[in-house]
Protein backbone atom coordinates (compact mmCIF):
# COMPACT_ATOMS: atom_id res chain seq x y z
CA MET A 1 21.36 142.48 30.56
CA ALA A 2 19.55 143.70 33.67
CA CYS A 3 18.70 146.97 31.94
CA LEU A 4 17.28 145.08 28.95
CA GLN A 5 15.06 142.95 31.18
CA THR A 6 13.69 145.70 33.42
CA LYS A 7 10.48 147.61 32.79
CA ALA A 8 12.16 150.86 33.80
CA THR A 9 12.06 153.65 31.25
CA ARG A 10 15.13 155.07 29.59
CA ALA A 11 14.77 158.24 31.68
CA GLU A 12 14.72 156.21 34.91
CA ILE A 13 17.82 154.27 33.88
CA LYS A 14 19.59 157.51 32.98
CA GLU A 15 18.67 159.03 36.34
CA GLN A 16 20.02 155.98 38.20
CA ILE A 17 23.33 156.08 36.32
CA GLU A 18 23.73 159.82 36.82
CA GLU A 19 23.01 159.51 40.54
CA ALA A 20 25.68 156.81 40.96
CA PHE A 21 28.18 158.92 39.00
CA VAL A 22 27.49 162.09 41.01
CA ASN A 23 27.76 160.23 44.34
CA GLY A 24 31.06 158.74 43.20
CA CYS A 25 32.43 162.16 42.22
CA ARG A 26 31.43 163.55 45.61
CA ARG A 27 33.26 160.73 47.36
CA VAL A 28 36.39 161.34 45.27
CA ALA A 29 36.29 165.07 46.03
CA GLY A 30 35.80 164.46 49.76
CA LEU A 31 38.68 161.97 50.01
CA LYS A 32 40.94 164.27 48.01
CA ILE A 33 40.19 167.24 50.29
CA ILE A 34 40.83 165.19 53.43
CA GLY A 35 44.07 163.75 52.07
CA GLU A 36 45.42 167.12 50.95
CA THR A 37 44.41 168.73 54.25
CA LEU A 38 46.16 166.03 56.29
CA GLY A 39 49.29 166.65 54.23
CA LEU A 40 49.47 170.30 55.28
CA SER A 41 51.55 171.58 58.19
CA LEU A 42 48.65 171.92 60.59
CA PRO A 43 48.49 172.78 64.29
CA LYS A 44 48.04 169.66 66.40
CA GLU A 45 44.42 170.44 67.29
CA ILE A 46 43.35 171.00 63.69
CA PHE A 47 45.16 167.85 62.50
CA SER A 48 43.29 165.88 65.17
CA ASP A 49 39.97 167.30 64.01
CA VAL A 50 40.64 166.41 60.36
CA LEU A 51 41.82 162.94 61.41
CA SER A 52 38.61 162.40 63.36
CA TRP A 53 36.57 163.66 60.42
CA PHE A 54 38.32 161.19 58.13
CA GLY A 55 37.69 158.23 60.43
CA LYS A 56 34.02 159.10 60.98
CA SER A 57 33.20 160.54 57.55
CA LEU A 58 31.35 157.45 56.29
CA ARG A 59 30.26 155.93 59.59
CA GLY A 60 27.78 158.64 60.48
CA SER A 61 26.18 157.84 63.82
CA LYS A 62 27.23 154.19 63.56
CA ASN A 63 30.36 152.82 65.17
CA ASP A 64 30.86 150.05 62.61
CA VAL A 65 33.85 150.10 60.27
CA CYS A 66 33.05 150.59 56.62
CA HIS A 67 34.78 150.55 53.24
CA TYR A 68 35.70 153.77 51.49
CA LEU A 69 33.64 152.71 48.44
CA ASP A 70 30.48 151.96 50.41
CA GLY A 71 27.46 153.69 48.94
CA ILE A 72 28.92 154.45 45.51
CA LYS A 73 28.70 151.08 43.79
CA GLY A 74 27.91 151.42 40.11
CA CYS A 75 29.76 154.74 39.72
CA GLY A 76 32.24 153.24 37.27
CA GLN A 77 35.75 151.79 37.48
CA GLU A 78 37.48 155.09 36.80
CA ILE A 79 35.71 156.83 39.69
CA GLU A 80 36.45 153.90 42.02
CA ASP A 81 40.14 154.02 41.06
CA MET A 82 40.28 157.74 41.80
CA ALA A 83 38.59 157.22 45.18
CA ARG A 84 41.06 154.45 46.00
CA LYS A 85 44.01 156.66 45.04
CA HIS A 86 42.95 159.54 47.29
CA PHE A 87 41.96 157.23 50.16
CA PHE A 88 45.36 155.61 50.28
CA SER A 89 47.06 158.99 49.95
CA ALA A 90 45.40 159.85 53.26
CA ILE A 91 46.31 156.44 54.75
CA LYS A 92 49.96 156.99 53.74
CA ILE A 93 50.05 160.29 55.61
CA ILE A 94 48.58 158.59 58.69
CA ILE A 95 51.13 155.76 58.57
CA ASP A 96 54.00 158.23 58.04
CA SER A 97 52.72 160.18 61.04
CA LEU A 98 52.69 156.95 63.08
CA ARG A 99 56.38 156.46 62.38
CA LYS A 100 57.18 159.84 63.90
CA ALA A 101 54.57 159.90 66.70
CA LYS A 102 56.04 160.49 70.16
CA THR A 103 53.16 160.16 72.60
CA PRO A 104 50.70 157.31 73.29
CA GLU A 105 47.76 159.72 72.89
CA GLN A 106 48.85 160.73 69.41
CA ILE A 107 49.50 157.13 68.40
CA ARG A 108 46.09 155.91 69.59
CA GLU A 109 44.44 158.69 67.62
CA LEU A 110 46.28 157.66 64.45
CA LEU A 111 45.54 153.97 65.01
CA GLU A 112 41.82 154.67 65.23
CA ALA A 113 41.93 156.35 61.81
CA LEU A 114 43.27 153.11 60.27
CA HIS A 115 40.19 151.06 61.16
CA TRP A 116 38.43 150.53 57.84
CA ARG A 117 36.90 147.47 56.21
CA TYR A 118 39.63 146.66 53.72
CA GLN A 119 38.99 144.39 50.74
CA SER A 120 41.44 142.06 49.02
CA ARG A 121 42.20 144.64 46.33
CA ASP A 122 43.40 146.98 49.10
CA HIS A 123 46.01 144.59 50.50
CA GLY A 124 48.63 145.52 47.92
CA HIS A 125 48.41 149.19 48.90
CA LEU A 126 48.71 148.35 52.60
CA ALA A 127 51.72 146.14 51.89
CA GLU A 128 53.42 148.94 49.93
CA LEU A 129 52.93 151.26 52.91
CA SER A 130 54.54 148.69 55.29
CA LEU A 131 51.66 149.05 57.72
CA VAL A 132 52.36 145.91 59.75
CA ASP A 133 56.07 146.75 60.04
CA VAL A 134 55.23 150.24 61.29
CA LEU A 135 52.85 148.78 63.90
CA HIS A 136 55.69 146.58 65.13
CA ARG A 137 58.67 148.92 65.04
CA GLY A 138 57.53 152.48 64.36
CA ASP A 139 60.44 154.24 62.68
CA GLY A 140 62.81 151.44 63.66
CA GLU A 141 64.65 153.35 66.38
CA LYS A 142 65.37 151.41 69.57
CA ARG A 143 63.55 153.91 71.76
CA ASN A 144 60.50 154.23 69.51
CA VAL A 145 57.33 154.43 71.62
CA MET A 146 55.43 151.79 69.62
CA ARG A 147 58.36 149.39 69.58
CA LEU A 148 58.71 149.59 73.34
CA ALA A 149 54.97 149.09 73.88
CA TRP A 150 55.08 145.50 72.60
CA GLY A 151 55.71 142.72 75.12
CA LYS A 152 54.30 144.53 78.12
CA ILE A 153 51.96 142.71 80.50
CA LEU A 154 48.36 143.88 80.26
CA LYS A 155 46.83 144.73 83.64
CA GLN A 156 43.19 145.41 82.86
CA LEU A 157 40.91 145.76 85.86
CA PRO A 158 37.38 144.28 85.86
CA ASP A 159 34.75 146.57 84.28
CA GLN A 160 37.42 149.07 83.30
CA GLU A 161 38.46 149.92 79.75
CA ASP A 162 42.13 149.30 78.97
CA LYS A 163 43.42 152.51 77.38
CA THR A 164 47.10 151.59 77.32
CA LEU A 165 49.08 151.91 74.10
CA THR A 166 49.89 148.20 74.23
CA ARG A 167 46.19 147.34 74.13
CA SER A 168 45.57 149.78 71.26
CA LEU A 169 48.40 148.26 69.21
CA ILE A 170 47.18 144.72 69.87
CA ASP A 171 43.61 145.65 68.92
CA THR A 172 44.74 147.28 65.67
CA PHE A 173 47.02 144.38 64.77
CA GLU A 174 44.27 141.84 65.49
CA PHE A 175 41.83 143.90 63.43
CA MET A 176 44.23 143.95 60.45
CA PHE A 177 45.05 140.26 60.87
CA MET A 178 41.41 139.18 60.90
CA THR A 179 40.61 141.47 57.97
CA VAL A 180 43.39 140.00 55.83
CA VAL A 181 42.92 136.37 56.89
CA GLY A 182 39.18 136.68 56.32
CA ARG A 183 39.86 137.63 52.71
CA ILE A 184 42.36 134.78 52.22
CA VAL A 185 40.11 131.97 53.42
CA GLN A 186 36.86 133.40 52.03
CA PRO A 187 37.14 135.18 48.65
CA GLU A 188 34.86 138.14 48.13
CA ARG A 189 31.67 137.51 46.24
CA SER A 190 29.79 139.71 43.81
CA LEU A 191 28.44 142.87 45.38
CA LYS A 192 24.84 143.84 44.73
CA VAL A 193 24.23 147.33 43.44
CA LYS A 194 21.34 149.08 45.17
CA THR A 195 18.61 150.43 42.95
CA SER A 196 15.99 153.07 43.64
CA ALA A 197 12.36 152.33 44.39
CA SER A 198 11.48 152.83 40.71
CA PHE A 199 13.59 149.76 39.95
CA ALA A 200 11.65 147.49 42.31
CA GLY A 201 10.77 145.15 39.46
CA ALA A 202 14.24 145.05 37.99
CA PRO A 203 16.54 142.02 38.27
CA GLY A 204 19.29 142.39 40.88
CA LEU A 205 22.34 144.21 39.56
CA LYS A 206 25.72 142.85 40.56
CA GLN A 207 29.22 144.21 40.30
CA GLN A 208 32.02 141.69 39.98
CA VAL A 209 35.03 142.09 42.28
CA SER A 210 38.53 140.73 41.84
CA LEU A 211 39.57 137.43 43.39
CA VAL A 212 41.98 137.35 46.32
CA ASP A 213 45.64 137.77 45.48
CA HIS A 214 47.00 135.27 47.99
CA ASN A 215 50.61 136.38 47.55
CA VAL A 216 49.83 140.01 48.34
CA SER A 217 47.49 139.20 51.24
CA GLU A 218 49.91 136.78 52.86
CA GLY A 219 52.86 139.09 52.20
CA LEU A 220 51.06 141.91 53.98
CA MET A 221 51.13 139.93 57.22
CA GLY A 222 54.81 139.07 56.74
């Protein structure tokens, strides 16, 4: 309906659709490359570099968390599904690596790569990957580093950053908790699709998003 009401020419509409599609394909290709690279048997230094690249790939110079579909709205459901598939393939590798991680430094690095702005439709994937359980118990062994980090007293000094593993785990858990709870109590609304300057006179385009699946979201947090 928006296309019928706008004064934009057919060529301008075609250009806008093609741009969204191309951007979406680029995102899919990038996420696929990162996921497949993380799955290789890499030296520790190279794995760390790829992990950092993954975490900062969409943030640019900003330090704010973002969603893996940011900037490609309007690319089509099929492209979004492919991007989601490759994104969570990378997240699975990170969570599997967390289970086996042996040092606090390695664990903190992996935790940082999990900080994304998840939407309600992502909760099912996170639940399938047992993210919260891994944060609590690691691989389940009694001497697991993450398991032993819980319950320790925090001794943060004034004006000094707390870099302990316990603090990193608490921060990640709180981040996930607030992300999930925020989606349970406040369902996502329609997302506006950005248009180019040539569409200045066009009605706002919106993309509908799915409603919250309360069972999945609540189940994620146990």
